[in-house]
């Protein structure tokens, strides 16, 4: 298991060098809550899956983002290799769960570049919670 993490205001980039099975929290990735304050309410998560080798996607690849504020409405868009695979508005409150279609991910895979990009728009400044936010892409 290995990841390279880069964090800027409103942007997190995670580069995997091998598939990591099961739930992987942002805290386990080495990200702390202080790095997850979104001043402008915008988030861009990039998961670079290039070069991970043989893998199988989890039955329902899942991304869950938790935050301290109760948000009335958030907009989420997921792109894999430049193709939008999910576009939704969430009215949930303190967290958002994104369920991805593994068949669509497999169909869109390339030999050299495989990048999952998640964009989020919050109505205000938010604080994400590293221990409660996770990805579960591989089995």
Protein backbone atom coordinates (compact mmCIF):
# COMPACT_ATOMS: atom_id res chain seq x y z
CA UNK A 1 0.00 0.00 0.00
CA UNK A 2 1.36 3.36 -0.95
CA UNK A 3 0.04 6.80 -1.69
CA UNK A 4 1.54 10.18 -2.44
CA UNK A 5 -0.57 13.03 -1.04
CA UNK A 6 -0.56 16.69 -2.12
CA UNK A 7 -2.82 19.21 -0.37
CA UNK A 8 -3.58 22.79 -1.37
CA UNK A 9 -6.48 25.06 -0.35
CA UNK A 10 -9.60 23.28 -1.59
CA UNK A 11 -7.66 20.58 -3.42
CA UNK A 12 -6.42 17.14 -2.40
CA UNK A 13 -4.47 14.90 -4.77
CA UNK A 14 -3.86 11.25 -3.93
CA UNK A 15 -1.65 9.11 -6.17
CA UNK A 16 -1.90 5.37 -5.57
CA UNK A 17 0.95 3.05 -6.54
CA UNK A 18 -1.01 -0.10 -5.68
CA UNK A 19 -4.68 -0.92 -5.02
CA UNK A 20 -5.66 -0.60 -1.37
CA UNK A 21 -8.48 -2.94 -0.41
CA UNK A 22 -11.25 -1.83 1.92
CA UNK A 23 -12.16 1.43 3.54
CA UNK A 24 -9.35 4.00 3.68
CA UNK A 25 -10.01 7.12 5.77
CA UNK A 26 -8.48 10.49 4.98
CA UNK A 27 -6.80 10.27 8.40
CA UNK A 28 -5.17 6.96 7.38
CA UNK A 29 -3.94 8.72 4.24
CA UNK A 30 -2.09 11.14 6.54
CA UNK A 31 -4.48 14.06 6.19
CA UNK A 32 -5.57 15.92 9.33
CA UNK A 33 -8.63 18.07 9.99
CA UNK A 34 -6.62 21.34 9.92
CA UNK A 35 -5.78 20.63 6.26
CA UNK A 36 -9.47 20.15 5.42
CA UNK A 37 -10.89 23.63 6.00
CA UNK A 38 -12.49 24.79 2.76
CA UNK A 39 -12.54 28.58 3.02
CA UNK A 40 -14.40 29.11 -0.27
CA UNK A 41 -16.66 26.07 0.02
CA UNK A 42 -15.08 24.38 -3.01
CA UNK A 43 -13.38 20.98 -3.02
CA UNK A 44 -11.49 19.11 -5.71
CA UNK A 45 -10.39 15.56 -4.87
CA UNK A 46 -8.15 13.82 -7.38
CA UNK A 47 -7.40 10.11 -7.11
CA UNK A 48 -4.66 9.10 -9.56
CA UNK A 49 -4.97 5.36 -10.13
CA UNK A 50 -2.35 5.24 -12.88
CA UNK A 51 0.09 2.36 -12.57
CA UNK A 52 -1.66 0.48 -9.74
CA UNK A 53 -1.45 -2.78 -11.66
CA UNK A 54 -3.94 -5.62 -11.45
CA UNK A 55 -6.98 -4.75 -9.38
CA UNK A 56 -10.67 -5.37 -8.86
CA UNK A 57 -13.10 -2.64 -7.91
CA UNK A 58 -15.20 -2.99 -4.79
CA UNK A 59 -18.79 -4.11 -5.57
CA UNK A 60 -19.97 -0.50 -5.16
CA UNK A 61 -16.96 1.87 -5.05
CA UNK A 62 -17.82 4.40 -2.37
CA UNK A 63 -16.62 7.83 -1.31
CA UNK A 64 -17.99 9.38 1.87
CA UNK A 65 -17.20 12.94 2.89
CA UNK A 66 -18.16 14.11 6.39
CA UNK A 67 -18.16 17.69 7.61
CA UNK A 68 -18.94 19.56 10.83
CA UNK A 69 -21.40 22.06 9.35
CA UNK A 70 -24.96 21.11 8.53
CA UNK A 71 -25.19 22.07 4.86
CA UNK A 72 -28.58 22.59 3.27
CA UNK A 73 -27.39 21.62 -0.19
CA UNK A 74 -24.14 20.49 -1.78
CA UNK A 75 -23.40 19.80 -5.43
CA UNK A 76 -21.15 16.86 -6.37
CA UNK A 77 -19.67 15.83 -9.71
CA UNK A 78 -17.45 12.80 -10.29
CA UNK A 79 -15.39 12.42 -13.46
CA UNK A 80 -13.33 9.38 -14.43
CA UNK A 81 -10.85 9.92 -17.26
CA UNK A 82 -12.70 13.07 -18.29
CA UNK A 83 -16.18 11.48 -18.42
CA UNK A 84 -18.82 12.52 -15.88
CA UNK A 85 -20.00 9.38 -14.10
CA UNK A 86 -22.03 11.03 -11.31
CA UNK A 87 -23.65 14.45 -10.93
CA UNK A 88 -25.91 15.01 -7.95
CA UNK A 89 -27.19 17.48 -5.41
CA UNK A 90 -27.21 16.27 -1.81
CA UNK A 91 -29.57 17.58 0.87
CA UNK A 92 -28.29 15.24 3.59
CA UNK A 93 -26.71 17.52 6.19
CA UNK A 94 -23.37 16.52 7.75
CA UNK A 95 -22.08 14.03 5.16
CA UNK A 96 -22.37 12.91 1.56
CA UNK A 97 -22.07 9.37 0.25
CA UNK A 98 -21.11 8.90 -3.40
CA UNK A 99 -21.84 5.44 -4.83
CA UNK A 100 -19.95 4.82 -8.06
CA UNK A 101 -20.71 2.34 -10.83
CA UNK A 102 -17.82 -0.15 -10.98
CA UNK A 103 -18.82 -1.34 -14.45
CA UNK A 104 -18.61 2.22 -15.74
CA UNK A 105 -15.19 2.67 -14.09
CA UNK A 106 -13.92 -0.53 -15.71
CA UNK A 107 -15.27 0.49 -19.13
CA UNK A 108 -13.54 3.88 -18.94
CA UNK A 109 -10.14 2.57 -17.81
CA UNK A 110 -7.13 3.43 -19.97
CA UNK A 111 -3.76 1.73 -20.13
CA UNK A 112 -1.79 4.81 -19.06
CA UNK A 113 -4.02 7.30 -17.29
CA UNK A 114 -6.80 6.58 -14.81
CA UNK A 115 -7.92 9.56 -12.77
CA UNK A 116 -11.02 9.98 -10.62
CA UNK A 117 -11.83 13.63 -9.96
CA UNK A 118 -14.53 14.68 -7.50
CA UNK A 119 -15.75 18.28 -7.41
CA UNK A 120 -17.89 19.60 -4.58
CA UNK A 121 -19.59 22.94 -4.06
CA UNK A 122 -20.70 23.76 -0.53
CA UNK A 123 -22.92 26.80 0.19
CA UNK A 124 -20.37 28.13 2.71
CA UNK A 125 -17.01 27.52 4.36
CA UNK A 126 -16.82 23.94 5.68
CA UNK A 127 -14.56 21.79 7.84
CA UNK A 128 -14.17 18.23 6.59
CA UNK A 129 -13.55 15.44 9.09
CA UNK A 130 -10.53 13.28 8.21
CA UNK A 131 -11.41 10.31 10.46
CA UNK A 132 -14.99 10.11 9.13
CA UNK A 133 -14.26 10.72 5.43
CA UNK A 134 -13.14 7.73 3.40
CA UNK A 135 -12.81 6.01 0.05
CA UNK A 136 -13.43 2.35 -0.68
CA UNK A 137 -12.47 1.65 -4.28
CA UNK A 138 -10.89 -1.81 -4.35
CA UNK A 139 -11.57 -5.27 -2.99
